[in-house]
Each structure stands twice: as C-alpha cells, then as structure tokens.
Amino acid sequence: SGCKKNSYDAPGCIEDKIDAFKVSVVCDHGAYVALYSFNDKDVYVF
C-alpha cells in the first residue's frame, strides 16, 4: 500500500501533472500526454 510508482517514464513533476490531468480530462477518449523534442529540449504536451 506504499507509494505507487507510475510507469510514465517522465520526471516526477510531470508524473504528478499526468495523474491530475487524468482526473480532470473532460473527453472520454482522444486525450493524451505526449513527449516531444522542441528547441532541443524535452517538452510534454497535454
């Protein structure tokens, strides 16, 4: 029952945002979180 580890393969703060996003998403399907490289840096699109 301890801390759960997500398997998002993302930084911890992004994992937290994903968990919050999953709860707040309005659409039943089509929502996603994706990793992109933008200006030579990793960015996450919600």
ModelCIF file with pLDDT and N, C-alpha, C, O atoms, coordinates in Angstrom:
data_MODEL
#
_entry.id   MODEL 
#
_entity.id                         1 
_entity.type                       polymer 
_entity.pdbx_number_of_molecules   1 
#
_entity_poly.entity_id                      1 
_entity_poly.type                           'polypeptide(L)' 
_entity_poly.nstd_linkage                   no 
_entity_poly.nstd_monomer                   no 
_entity_poly.pdbx_seq_one_letter_code       SGCKKNSYDAPGCIEDKIDAFKVSVVCDHGAYVALYSFNDKDVYVF 
_entity_poly.pdbx_seq_one_letter_code_can   SGCKKNSYDAPGCIEDKIDAFKVSVVCDHGAYVALYSFNDKDVYVF 
_entity_poly.pdbx_strand_id                 A 
#
loop_
_entity_poly_seq.entity_id 
_entity_poly_seq.num 
_entity_poly_seq.mon_id 
_entity_poly_seq.hetero 
1 1  SER n 
1 2  GLY n 
1 3  CYS n 
1 4  LYS n 
1 5  LYS n 
1 6  ASN n 
1 7  SER n 
1 8  TYR n 
1 9  ASP n 
1 10 ALA n 
1 11 PRO n 
1 12 GLY n 
1 13 CYS n 
1 14 ILE n 
1 15 GLU n 
1 16 ASP n 
1 17 LYS n 
1 18 ILE n 
1 19 ASP n 
1 20 ALA n 
1 21 PHE n 
1 22 LYS n 
1 23 VAL n 
1 24 SER n 
1 25 VAL n 
1 26 VAL n 
1 27 CYS n 
1 28 ASP n 
1 29 HIS n 
1 30 GLY n 
1 31 ALA n 
1 32 TYR n 
1 33 VAL n 
1 34 ALA n 
1 35 LEU n 
1 36 TYR n 
1 37 SER n 
1 38 PHE n 
1 39 ASN n 
1 40 ASP n 
1 41 LYS n 
1 42 ASP n 
1 43 VAL n 
1 44 TYR n 
1 45 VAL n 
1 46 PHE n 
#
_struct_asym.id          A 
_struct_asym.entity_id   1 
#
loop_
_ma_qa_metric.id 
_ma_qa_metric.mode 
_ma_qa_metric.name 
_ma_qa_metric.software_group_id 
_ma_qa_metric.type 
1 global pLDDT . pLDDT 
2 local  pLDDT . pLDDT 
#
_ma_qa_metric_global.metric_id      1 
_ma_qa_metric_global.metric_value   85.85 
_ma_qa_metric_global.model_id       1 
_ma_qa_metric_global.ordinal_id     1 
#
loop_
_ma_qa_metric_local.label_asym_id 
_ma_qa_metric_local.label_comp_id 
_ma_qa_metric_local.label_seq_id 
_ma_qa_metric_local.metric_id 
_ma_qa_metric_local.metric_value 
_ma_qa_metric_local.model_id 
_ma_qa_metric_local.ordinal_id 
A SER 1  2 41.00 1 1  
A GLY 2  2 44.00 1 2  
A CYS 3  2 49.00 1 3  
A LYS 4  2 48.00 1 4  
A LYS 5  2 51.00 1 5  
A ASN 6  2 52.00 1 6  
A SER 7  2 61.00 1 7  
A TYR 8  2 66.00 1 8  
A ASP 9  2 77.00 1 9  
A ALA 10 2 83.00 1 10 
A PRO 11 2 82.00 1 11 
A GLY 12 2 88.00 1 12 
A CYS 13 2 91.00 1 13 
A ILE 14 2 94.00 1 14 
A GLU 15 2 94.00 1 15 
A ASP 16 2 94.00 1 16 
A LYS 17 2 95.00 1 17 
A ILE 18 2 94.00 1 18 
A ASP 19 2 94.00 1 19 
A ALA 20 2 95.00 1 20 
A PHE 21 2 94.00 1 21 
A LYS 22 2 93.00 1 22 
A VAL 23 2 93.00 1 23 
A SER 24 2 93.00 1 24 
A VAL 25 2 92.00 1 25 
A VAL 26 2 88.00 1 26 
A CYS 27 2 91.00 1 27 
A ASP 28 2 89.00 1 28 
A HIS 29 2 88.00 1 29 
A GLY 30 2 92.00 1 30 
A ALA 31 2 95.00 1 31 
A TYR 32 2 96.00 1 32 
A VAL 33 2 96.00 1 33 
A ALA 34 2 96.00 1 34 
A LEU 35 2 97.00 1 35 
A TYR 36 2 98.00 1 36 
A SER 37 2 97.00 1 37 
A PHE 38 2 97.00 1 38 
A ASN 39 2 94.00 1 39 
A ASP 40 2 94.00 1 40 
A LYS 41 2 96.00 1 41 
A ASP 42 2 97.00 1 42 
A VAL 43 2 97.00 1 43 
A TYR 44 2 98.00 1 44 
A VAL 45 2 98.00 1 45 
A PHE 46 2 97.00 1 46 
#
loop_
_atom_site.group_PDB 
_atom_site.id 
_atom_site.type_symbol 
_atom_site.label_atom_id 
_atom_site.label_alt_id 
_atom_site.label_comp_id 
_atom_site.label_asym_id 
_atom_site.label_entity_id 
_atom_site.label_seq_id 
_atom_site.pdbx_PDB_ins_code 
_atom_site.Cartn_x 
_atom_site.Cartn_y 
_atom_site.Cartn_z 
_atom_site.occupancy 
_atom_site.B_iso_or_equiv 
_atom_site.pdbx_formal_charge 
_atom_site.auth_seq_id 
_atom_site.auth_comp_id 
_atom_site.auth_asym_id 
_atom_site.auth_atom_id 
_atom_site.pdbx_PDB_model_num 
ATOM 1   N N  . SER A 1 1  ? 0.800   -1.213 0.000   1.00 41.00 ? 1  SER A N  1 
ATOM 2   C CA . SER A 1 1  ? 0.000   0.000  0.000   1.00 41.00 ? 1  SER A CA 1 
ATOM 3   C C  . SER A 1 1  ? 0.840   1.273  0.000   1.00 41.00 ? 1  SER A C  1 
ATOM 4   O O  . SER A 1 1  ? 0.292   2.373  0.071   1.00 41.00 ? 1  SER A O  1 
ATOM 5   N N  . GLY A 1 2  ? 2.143   1.139  -0.078  1.00 44.00 ? 2  GLY A N  1 
ATOM 6   C CA . GLY A 1 2  ? 3.010   2.303  -0.029  1.00 44.00 ? 2  GLY A CA 1 
ATOM 7   C C  . GLY A 1 2  ? 2.905   3.144  -1.279  1.00 44.00 ? 2  GLY A C  1 
ATOM 8   O O  . GLY A 1 2  ? 1.974   2.988  -2.068  1.00 44.00 ? 2  GLY A O  1 
ATOM 9   N N  . CYS A 1 3  ? 3.844   4.021  -1.456  1.00 49.00 ? 3  CYS A N  1 
ATOM 10  C CA . CYS A 1 3  ? 3.831   4.923  -2.600  1.00 49.00 ? 3  CYS A CA 1 
ATOM 11  C C  . CYS A 1 3  ? 3.817   4.131  -3.895  1.00 49.00 ? 3  CYS A C  1 
ATOM 12  O O  . CYS A 1 3  ? 4.606   3.207  -4.094  1.00 49.00 ? 3  CYS A O  1 
ATOM 13  N N  . LYS A 1 4  ? 2.904   4.516  -4.763  1.00 48.00 ? 4  LYS A N  1 
ATOM 14  C CA . LYS A 1 4  ? 2.846   3.823  -6.040  1.00 48.00 ? 4  LYS A CA 1 
ATOM 15  C C  . LYS A 1 4  ? 3.817   4.471  -7.007  1.00 48.00 ? 4  LYS A C  1 
ATOM 16  O O  . LYS A 1 4  ? 4.014   5.685  -6.983  1.00 48.00 ? 4  LYS A O  1 
ATOM 17  N N  . LYS A 1 5  ? 4.404   3.679  -7.833  1.00 51.00 ? 5  LYS A N  1 
ATOM 18  C CA . LYS A 1 5  ? 5.319   4.168  -8.854  1.00 51.00 ? 5  LYS A CA 1 
ATOM 19  C C  . LYS A 1 5  ? 4.622   4.073  -10.187 1.00 51.00 ? 5  LYS A C  1 
ATOM 20  O O  . LYS A 1 5  ? 4.197   2.994  -10.598 1.00 51.00 ? 5  LYS A O  1 
ATOM 21  N N  . ASN A 1 6  ? 4.501   5.203  -10.866 1.00 52.00 ? 6  ASN A N  1 
ATOM 22  C CA . ASN A 1 6  ? 3.902   5.199  -12.189 1.00 52.00 ? 6  ASN A CA 1 
ATOM 23  C C  . ASN A 1 6  ? 4.939   4.767  -13.210 1.00 52.00 ? 6  ASN A C  1 
ATOM 24  O O  . ASN A 1 6  ? 6.141   4.853  -12.963 1.00 52.00 ? 6  ASN A O  1 
ATOM 25  N N  . SER A 1 7  ? 4.480   4.314  -14.330 1.00 61.00 ? 7  SER A N  1 
ATOM 26  C CA . SER A 1 7  ? 5.399   3.867  -15.371 1.00 61.00 ? 7  SER A CA 1 
ATOM 27  C C  . SER A 1 7  ? 5.322   4.800  -16.574 1.00 61.00 ? 7  SER A C  1 
ATOM 28  O O  . SER A 1 7  ? 5.370   4.348  -17.718 1.00 61.00 ? 7  SER A O  1 
ATOM 29  N N  . TYR A 1 8  ? 5.204   6.099  -16.317 1.00 66.00 ? 8  TYR A N  1 
ATOM 30  C CA . TYR A 1 8  ? 5.100   7.066  -17.406 1.00 66.00 ? 8  TYR A CA 1 
ATOM 31  C C  . TYR A 1 8  ? 6.438   7.348  -18.054 1.00 66.00 ? 8  TYR A C  1 
ATOM 32  O O  . TYR A 1 8  ? 6.475   7.911  -19.148 1.00 66.00 ? 8  TYR A O  1 
ATOM 33  N N  . ASP A 1 9  ? 7.534   6.978  -17.422 1.00 77.00 ? 9  ASP A N  1 
ATOM 34  C CA . ASP A 1 9  ? 8.859   7.284  -17.933 1.00 77.00 ? 9  ASP A CA 1 
ATOM 35  C C  . ASP A 1 9  ? 8.997   8.791  -18.152 1.00 77.00 ? 9  ASP A C  1 
ATOM 36  O O  . ASP A 1 9  ? 9.392   9.246  -19.225 1.00 77.00 ? 9  ASP A O  1 
ATOM 37  N N  . ALA A 1 10 ? 8.665   9.543  -17.121 1.00 83.00 ? 10 ALA A N  1 
ATOM 38  C CA . ALA A 1 10 ? 8.703   11.002 -17.170 1.00 83.00 ? 10 ALA A CA 1 
ATOM 39  C C  . ALA A 1 10 ? 9.200   11.511 -15.824 1.00 83.00 ? 10 ALA A C  1 
ATOM 40  O O  . ALA A 1 10 ? 9.148   10.789 -14.828 1.00 83.00 ? 10 ALA A O  1 
ATOM 41  N N  . PRO A 1 11 ? 9.685   12.760 -15.790 1.00 82.00 ? 11 PRO A N  1 
ATOM 42  C CA . PRO A 1 11 ? 10.109  13.324 -14.499 1.00 82.00 ? 11 PRO A CA 1 
ATOM 43  C C  . PRO A 1 11 ? 8.960   13.316 -13.494 1.00 82.00 ? 11 PRO A C  1 
ATOM 44  O O  . PRO A 1 11 ? 7.789   13.337 -13.873 1.00 82.00 ? 11 PRO A O  1 
ATOM 45  N N  . GLY A 1 12 ? 9.306   13.286 -12.217 1.00 88.00 ? 12 GLY A N  1 
ATOM 46  C CA . GLY A 1 12 ? 8.308   13.199 -11.146 1.00 88.00 ? 12 GLY A CA 1 
ATOM 47  C C  . GLY A 1 12 ? 7.233   14.262 -11.205 1.00 88.00 ? 12 GLY A C  1 
ATOM 48  O O  . GLY A 1 12 ? 6.057   13.965 -10.995 1.00 88.00 ? 12 GLY A O  1 
ATOM 49  N N  . CYS A 1 13 ? 7.615   15.499 -11.487 1.00 91.00 ? 13 CYS A N  1 
ATOM 50  C CA . CYS A 1 13 ? 6.607   16.566 -11.521 1.00 91.00 ? 13 CYS A CA 1 
ATOM 51  C C  . CYS A 1 13 ? 5.663   16.373 -12.704 1.00 91.00 ? 13 CYS A C  1 
ATOM 52  O O  . CYS A 1 13 ? 4.486   16.721 -12.609 1.00 91.00 ? 13 CYS A O  1 
ATOM 53  N N  . ILE A 1 14 ? 6.146   15.834 -13.802 1.00 94.00 ? 14 ILE A N  1 
ATOM 54  C CA . ILE A 1 14 ? 5.284   15.540 -14.954 1.00 94.00 ? 14 ILE A CA 1 
ATOM 55  C C  . ILE A 1 14 ? 4.360   14.376 -14.612 1.00 94.00 ? 14 ILE A C  1 
ATOM 56  O O  . ILE A 1 14 ? 3.188   14.387 -14.988 1.00 94.00 ? 14 ILE A O  1 
ATOM 57  N N  . GLU A 1 15 ? 4.874   13.380 -13.908 1.00 94.00 ? 15 GLU A N  1 
ATOM 58  C CA . GLU A 1 15 ? 4.018   12.273 -13.465 1.00 94.00 ? 15 GLU A CA 1 
ATOM 59  C C  . GLU A 1 15 ? 2.873   12.798 -12.609 1.00 94.00 ? 15 GLU A C  1 
ATOM 60  O O  . GLU A 1 15 ? 1.734   12.355 -12.756 1.00 94.00 ? 15 GLU A O  1 
ATOM 61  N N  . ASP A 1 16 ? 3.168   13.744 -11.714 1.00 94.00 ? 16 ASP A N  1 
ATOM 62  C CA . ASP A 1 16 ? 2.121   14.341 -10.880 1.00 94.00 ? 16 ASP A CA 1 
ATOM 63  C C  . ASP A 1 16 ? 1.091   15.073 -11.740 1.00 94.00 ? 16 ASP A C  1 
ATOM 64  O O  . ASP A 1 16 ? -0.112  14.977 -11.495 1.00 94.00 ? 16 ASP A O  1 
ATOM 65  N N  . LYS A 1 17 ? 1.567   15.802 -12.744 1.00 95.00 ? 17 LYS A N  1 
ATOM 66  C CA . LYS A 1 17 ? 0.658   16.513 -13.648 1.00 95.00 ? 17 LYS A CA 1 
ATOM 67  C C  . LYS A 1 17 ? -0.199  15.522 -14.444 1.00 95.00 ? 17 LYS A C  1 
ATOM 68  O O  . LYS A 1 17 ? -1.379  15.782 -14.680 1.00 95.00 ? 17 LYS A O  1 
ATOM 69  N N  . ILE A 1 18 ? 0.374   14.404 -14.853 1.00 94.00 ? 18 ILE A N  1 
ATOM 70  C CA . ILE A 1 18 ? -0.389  13.388 -15.584 1.00 94.00 ? 18 ILE A CA 1 
ATOM 71  C C  . ILE A 1 18 ? -1.491  12.828 -14.693 1.00 94.00 ? 18 ILE A C  1 
ATOM 72  O O  . ILE A 1 18 ? -2.631  12.678 -15.133 1.00 94.00 ? 18 ILE A O  1 
ATOM 73  N N  . ASP A 1 19 ? -1.157  12.521 -13.447 1.00 94.00 ? 19 ASP A N  1 
ATOM 74  C CA . ASP A 1 19 ? -2.168  11.996 -12.525 1.00 94.00 ? 19 ASP A CA 1 
ATOM 75  C C  . ASP A 1 19 ? -3.319  12.991 -12.356 1.00 94.00 ? 19 ASP A C  1 
ATOM 76  O O  . ASP A 1 19 ? -4.484  12.593 -12.362 1.00 94.00 ? 19 ASP A O  1 
ATOM 77  N N  . ALA A 1 20 ? -3.008  14.267 -12.208 1.00 95.00 ? 20 ALA A N  1 
ATOM 78  C CA . ALA A 1 20 ? -4.044  15.290 -12.073 1.00 95.00 ? 20 ALA A CA 1 
ATOM 79  C C  . ALA A 1 20 ? -4.824  15.441 -13.383 1.00 95.00 ? 20 ALA A C  1 
ATOM 80  O O  . ALA A 1 20 ? -6.043  15.616 -13.359 1.00 95.00 ? 20 ALA A O  1 
ATOM 81  N N  . PHE A 1 21 ? -4.137  15.375 -14.511 1.00 94.00 ? 21 PHE A N  1 
ATOM 82  C CA . PHE A 1 21 ? -4.758  15.508 -15.826 1.00 94.00 ? 21 PHE A CA 1 
ATOM 83  C C  . PHE A 1 21 ? -5.754  14.379 -16.070 1.00 94.00 ? 21 PHE A C  1 
ATOM 84  O O  . PHE A 1 21 ? -6.848  14.611 -16.584 1.00 94.00 ? 21 PHE A O  1 
ATOM 85  N N  . LYS A 1 22 ? -5.379  13.167 -15.704 1.00 93.00 ? 22 LYS A N  1 
ATOM 86  C CA . LYS A 1 22 ? -6.262  12.011 -15.896 1.00 93.00 ? 22 LYS A CA 1 
ATOM 87  C C  . LYS A 1 22 ? -7.597  12.209 -15.182 1.00 93.00 ? 22 LYS A C  1 
ATOM 88  O O  . LYS A 1 22 ? -8.639  11.795 -15.689 1.00 93.00 ? 22 LYS A O  1 
ATOM 89  N N  . VAL A 1 23 ? -7.571  12.826 -14.033 1.00 93.00 ? 23 VAL A N  1 
ATOM 90  C CA . VAL A 1 23 ? -8.782  13.044 -13.246 1.00 93.00 ? 23 VAL A CA 1 
ATOM 91  C C  . VAL A 1 23 ? -9.627  14.176 -13.828 1.00 93.00 ? 23 VAL A C  1 
ATOM 92  O O  . VAL A 1 23 ? -10.854 14.143 -13.735 1.00 93.00 ? 23 VAL A O  1 
ATOM 93  N N  . SER A 1 24 ? -8.981  15.171 -14.423 1.00 93.00 ? 24 SER A N  1 
ATOM 94  C CA . SER A 1 24 ? -9.694  16.364 -14.879 1.00 93.00 ? 24 SER A CA 1 
ATOM 95  C C  . SER A 1 24 ? -10.109 16.324 -16.351 1.00 93.00 ? 24 SER A C  1 
ATOM 96  O O  . SER A 1 24 ? -10.846 17.203 -16.798 1.00 93.00 ? 24 SER A O  1 
ATOM 97  N N  . VAL A 1 25 ? -9.658  15.334 -17.108 1.00 92.00 ? 25 VAL A N  1 
ATOM 98  C CA . VAL A 1 25 ? -9.973  15.271 -18.540 1.00 92.00 ? 25 VAL A CA 1 
ATOM 99  C C  . VAL A 1 25 ? -11.479 15.163 -18.745 1.00 92.00 ? 25 VAL A C  1 
ATOM 100 O O  . VAL A 1 25 ? -12.147 14.356 -18.099 1.00 92.00 ? 25 VAL A O  1 
ATOM 101 N N  . VAL A 1 26 ? -12.003 15.982 -19.648 1.00 88.00 ? 26 VAL A N  1 
ATOM 102 C CA . VAL A 1 26 ? -13.433 16.029 -19.934 1.00 88.00 ? 26 VAL A CA 1 
ATOM 103 C C  . VAL A 1 26 ? -13.824 14.972 -20.973 1.00 88.00 ? 26 VAL A C  1 
ATOM 104 O O  . VAL A 1 26 ? -14.870 14.335 -20.845 1.00 88.00 ? 26 VAL A O  1 
ATOM 105 N N  . CYS A 1 27 ? -13.006 14.787 -21.980 1.00 91.00 ? 27 CYS A N  1 
ATOM 106 C CA . CYS A 1 27 ? -13.327 13.867 -23.079 1.00 91.00 ? 27 CYS A CA 1 
ATOM 107 C C  . CYS A 1 27 ? -13.148 12.407 -22.661 1.00 91.00 ? 27 CYS A C  1 
ATOM 108 O O  . CYS A 1 27 ? -12.205 12.061 -21.948 1.00 91.00 ? 27 CYS A O  1 
ATOM 109 N N  . ASP A 1 28 ? -14.058 11.573 -23.111 1.00 89.00 ? 28 ASP A N  1 
ATOM 110 C CA . ASP A 1 28 ? -13.998 10.143 -22.804 1.00 89.00 ? 28 ASP A CA 1 
ATOM 111 C C  . ASP A 1 28 ? -12.882 9.437  -23.564 1.00 89.00 ? 28 ASP A C  1 
ATOM 112 O O  . ASP A 1 28 ? -12.400 8.391  -23.128 1.00 89.00 ? 28 ASP A O  1 
ATOM 113 N N  . HIS A 1 29 ? -12.470 9.997  -24.692 1.00 88.00 ? 29 HIS A N  1 
ATOM 114 C CA . HIS A 1 29 ? -11.369 9.425  -25.453 1.00 88.00 ? 29 HIS A CA 1 
ATOM 115 C C  . HIS A 1 29 ? -10.681 10.544 -26.243 1.00 88.00 ? 29 HIS A C  1 
ATOM 116 O O  . HIS A 1 29 ? -11.227 11.634 -26.410 1.00 88.00 ? 29 HIS A O  1 
ATOM 117 N N  . GLY A 1 30 ? -9.496  10.253 -26.712 1.00 92.00 ? 30 GLY A N  1 
ATOM 118 C CA . GLY A 1 30 ? -8.755  11.222 -27.509 1.00 92.00 ? 30 GLY A CA 1 
ATOM 119 C C  . GLY A 1 30 ? -7.809  12.112 -26.731 1.00 92.00 ? 30 GLY A C  1 
ATOM 120 O O  . GLY A 1 30 ? -7.005  12.824 -27.333 1.00 92.00 ? 30 GLY A O  1 
ATOM 121 N N  . ALA A 1 31 ? -7.882  12.094 -25.423 1.00 95.00 ? 31 ALA A N  1 
ATOM 122 C CA . ALA A 1 31 ? -6.944  12.883 -24.627 1.00 95.00 ? 31 ALA A CA 1 
ATOM 123 C C  . ALA A 1 31 ? -5.636  12.101 -24.502 1.00 95.00 ? 31 ALA A C  1 
ATOM 124 O O  . ALA A 1 31 ? -5.633  10.871 -24.466 1.00 95.00 ? 31 ALA A O  1 
ATOM 125 N N  . TYR A 1 32 ? -4.527  12.842 -24.436 1.00 96.00 ? 32 TYR A N  1 
ATOM 126 C CA . TYR A 1 32 ? -3.243  12.171 -24.292 1.00 96.00 ? 32 TYR A CA 1 
ATOM 127 C C  . TYR A 1 32 ? -2.184  13.119 -23.752 1.00 96.00 ? 32 TYR A C  1 
ATOM 128 O O  . TYR A 1 32 ? -2.358  14.337 -23.738 1.00 96.00 ? 32 TYR A O  1 
ATOM 129 N N  . VAL A 1 33 ? -1.089  12.528 -23.312 1.00 96.00 ? 33 VAL A N  1 
ATOM 130 C CA . VAL A 1 33 ? 0.120   13.257 -22.950 1.00 96.00 ? 33 VAL A CA 1 
ATOM 131 C C  . VAL A 1 33 ? 1.223   12.687 -23.823 1.00 96.00 ? 33 VAL A C  1 
ATOM 132 O O  . VAL A 1 33 ? 1.417   11.473 -23.884 1.00 96.00 ? 33 VAL A O  1 
ATOM 133 N N  . ALA A 1 34 ? 1.945   13.574 -24.497 1.00 96.00 ? 34 ALA A N  1 
ATOM 134 C CA . ALA A 1 34 ? 2.996   13.128 -25.411 1.00 96.00 ? 34 ALA A CA 1 
ATOM 135 C C  . ALA A 1 34 ? 4.296   13.863 -25.125 1.00 96.00 ? 34 ALA A C  1 
ATOM 136 O O  . ALA A 1 34 ? 4.306   15.013 -24.685 1.00 96.00 ? 34 ALA A O  1 
ATOM 137 N N  . LEU A 1 35 ? 5.375   13.170 -25.386 1.00 97.00 ? 35 LEU A N  1 
ATOM 138 C CA . LEU A 1 35 ? 6.715   13.735 -25.250 1.00 97.00 ? 35 LEU A CA 1 
ATOM 139 C C  . LEU A 1 35 ? 7.187   14.174 -26.630 1.00 97.00 ? 35 LEU A C  1 
ATOM 140 O O  . LEU A 1 35 ? 7.110   13.414 -27.596 1.00 97.00 ? 35 LEU A O  1 
ATOM 141 N N  . TYR A 1 36 ? 7.673   15.400 -26.710 1.00 98.00 ? 36 TYR A N  1 
ATOM 142 C CA . TYR A 1 36 ? 8.248   15.957 -27.935 1.00 98.00 ? 36 TYR A CA 1 
ATOM 143 C C  . TYR A 1 36 ? 9.627   16.509 -27.625 1.00 98.00 ? 36 TYR A C  1 
ATOM 144 O O  . TYR A 1 36 ? 9.946   16.795 -26.471 1.00 98.00 ? 36 TYR A O  1 
ATOM 145 N N  . SER A 1 37 ? 10.434  16.655 -28.648 1.00 97.00 ? 37 SER A N  1 
ATOM 146 C CA . SER A 1 37 ? 11.660  17.422 -28.555 1.00 97.00 ? 37 SER A CA 1 
ATOM 147 C C  . SER A 1 37 ? 11.369  18.748 -29.242 1.00 97.00 ? 37 SER A C  1 
ATOM 148 O O  . SER A 1 37 ? 10.976  18.773 -30.409 1.00 97.00 ? 37 SER A O  1 
ATOM 149 N N  . PHE A 1 38 ? 11.561  19.846 -28.527 1.00 97.00 ? 38 PHE A N  1 
ATOM 150 C CA . PHE A 1 38 ? 11.264  21.175 -29.049 1.00 97.00 ? 38 PHE A CA 1 
ATOM 151 C C  . PHE A 1 38 ? 12.386  22.111 -28.630 1.00 97.00 ? 38 PHE A C  1 
ATOM 152 O O  . PHE A 1 38 ? 12.673  22.246 -27.440 1.00 97.00 ? 38 PHE A O  1 
ATOM 153 N N  . ASN A 1 39 ? 13.016  22.754 -29.593 1.00 94.00 ? 39 ASN A N  1 
ATOM 154 C CA . ASN A 1 39 ? 14.186  23.606 -29.316 1.00 94.00 ? 39 ASN A CA 1 
ATOM 155 C C  . ASN A 1 39 ? 15.249  22.845 -28.538 1.00 94.00 ? 39 ASN A C  1 
ATOM 156 O O  . ASN A 1 39 ? 15.849  23.372 -27.601 1.00 94.00 ? 39 ASN A O  1 
ATOM 157 N N  . ASP A 1 40 ? 15.473  21.599 -28.940 1.00 94.00 ? 40 ASP A N  1 
ATOM 158 C CA . ASP A 1 40 ? 16.488  20.721 -28.333 1.00 94.00 ? 40 ASP A CA 1 
ATOM 159 C C  . ASP A 1 40 ? 16.235  20.400 -26.863 1.00 94.00 ? 40 ASP A C  1 
ATOM 160 O O  . ASP A 1 40 ? 17.166  20.058 -26.135 1.00 94.00 ? 40 ASP A O  1 
ATOM 161 N N  . LYS A 1 41 ? 14.974  20.507 -26.420 1.00 96.00 ? 41 LYS A N  1 
ATOM 162 C CA . LYS A 1 41 ? 14.614  20.149 -25.047 1.00 96.00 ? 41 LYS A CA 1 
ATOM 163 C C  . LYS A 1 41 ? 13.375  19.271 -25.064 1.00 96.00 ? 41 LYS A C  1 
ATOM 164 O O  . LYS A 1 41 ? 12.549  19.358 -25.973 1.00 96.00 ? 41 LYS A O  1 
ATOM 165 N N  . ASP A 1 42 ? 13.255  18.425 -24.048 1.00 97.00 ? 42 ASP A N  1 
ATOM 166 C CA . ASP A 1 42 ? 12.052  17.612 -23.903 1.00 97.00 ? 42 ASP A CA 1 
ATOM 167 C C  . ASP A 1 42 ? 10.912  18.483 -23.411 1.00 97.00 ? 42 ASP A C  1 
ATOM 168 O O  . ASP A 1 42 ? 11.068  19.250 -22.461 1.00 97.00 ? 42 ASP A O  1 
ATOM 169 N N  . VAL A 1 43 ? 9.755   18.360 -24.067 1.00 97.00 ? 43 VAL A N  1 
ATOM 170 C CA . VAL A 1 43 ? 8.548   19.039 -23.611 1.00 97.00 ? 43 VAL A CA 1 
ATOM 171 C C  . VAL A 1 43 ? 7.409   18.034 -23.611 1.00 97.00 ? 43 VAL A C  1 
ATOM 172 O O  . VAL A 1 43 ? 7.433   17.049 -24.350 1.00 97.00 ? 43 VAL A O  1 
ATOM 173 N N  . TYR A 1 44 ? 6.419   18.290 -22.782 1.00 98.00 ? 44 TYR A N  1 
ATOM 174 C CA . TYR A 1 44 ? 5.280   17.398 -22.627 1.00 98.00 ? 44 TYR A CA 1 
ATOM 175 C C  . TYR A 1 44 ? 4.017   18.137 -23.023 1.00 98.00 ? 44 TYR A C  1 
ATOM 176 O O  . TYR A 1 44 ? 3.732   19.220 -22.511 1.00 98.00 ? 44 TYR A O  1 
ATOM 177 N N  . VAL A 1 45 ? 3.256   17.542 -23.943 1.00 98.00 ? 45 VAL A N  1 
ATOM 178 C CA . VAL A 1 45 ? 2.027   18.135 -24.455 1.00 98.00 ? 45 VAL A CA 1 
ATOM 179 C C  . VAL A 1 45 ? 0.849   17.384 -23.849 1.00 98.00 ? 45 VAL A C  1 
ATOM 180 O O  . VAL A 1 45 ? 0.725   16.170 -24.012 1.00 98.00 ? 45 VAL A O  1 
ATOM 181 N N  . PHE A 1 46 ? -0.010  18.110 -23.152 1.00 97.00 ? 46 PHE A N  1 
ATOM 182 C CA . PHE A 1 46 ? -1.202  17.562 -22.508 1.00 97.00 ? 46 PHE A CA 1 
ATOM 183 C C  . PHE A 1 46 ? -2.401  17.953 -23.364 1.00 97.00 ? 46 PHE A C  1 
ATOM 184 O O  . PHE A 1 46 ? -3.535  17.607 -23.032 1.00 97.00 ? 46 PHE A O  1 
#
